[in-house]
Amino acid sequence: MSSFSTYLIGFIVLIIGLAIAAILVGVSQTWVIVGAIILIGIAIVTATTRTKTKDPPVT
């Protein structure tokens, strides 16, 4: 499994936990869905930037 996949799986587990906690606290389901979509976008962007391969040095 690539580091990109591992990063995204971990972030999705975090999002699920936060969504469950928000619902238990009484946040509207609409806002939970909006927050989850935003966090998924952030997860994809950060996973892409943190796991991209470094360019080899030019000699």
Foldseek 3Di string as FASTA:
>chain_A
DAPLVVQLVVLVVVLVVVLVVCVVVPHDNVVSVVVSVVSNVVSNVVSCVVRDDDDDDDD
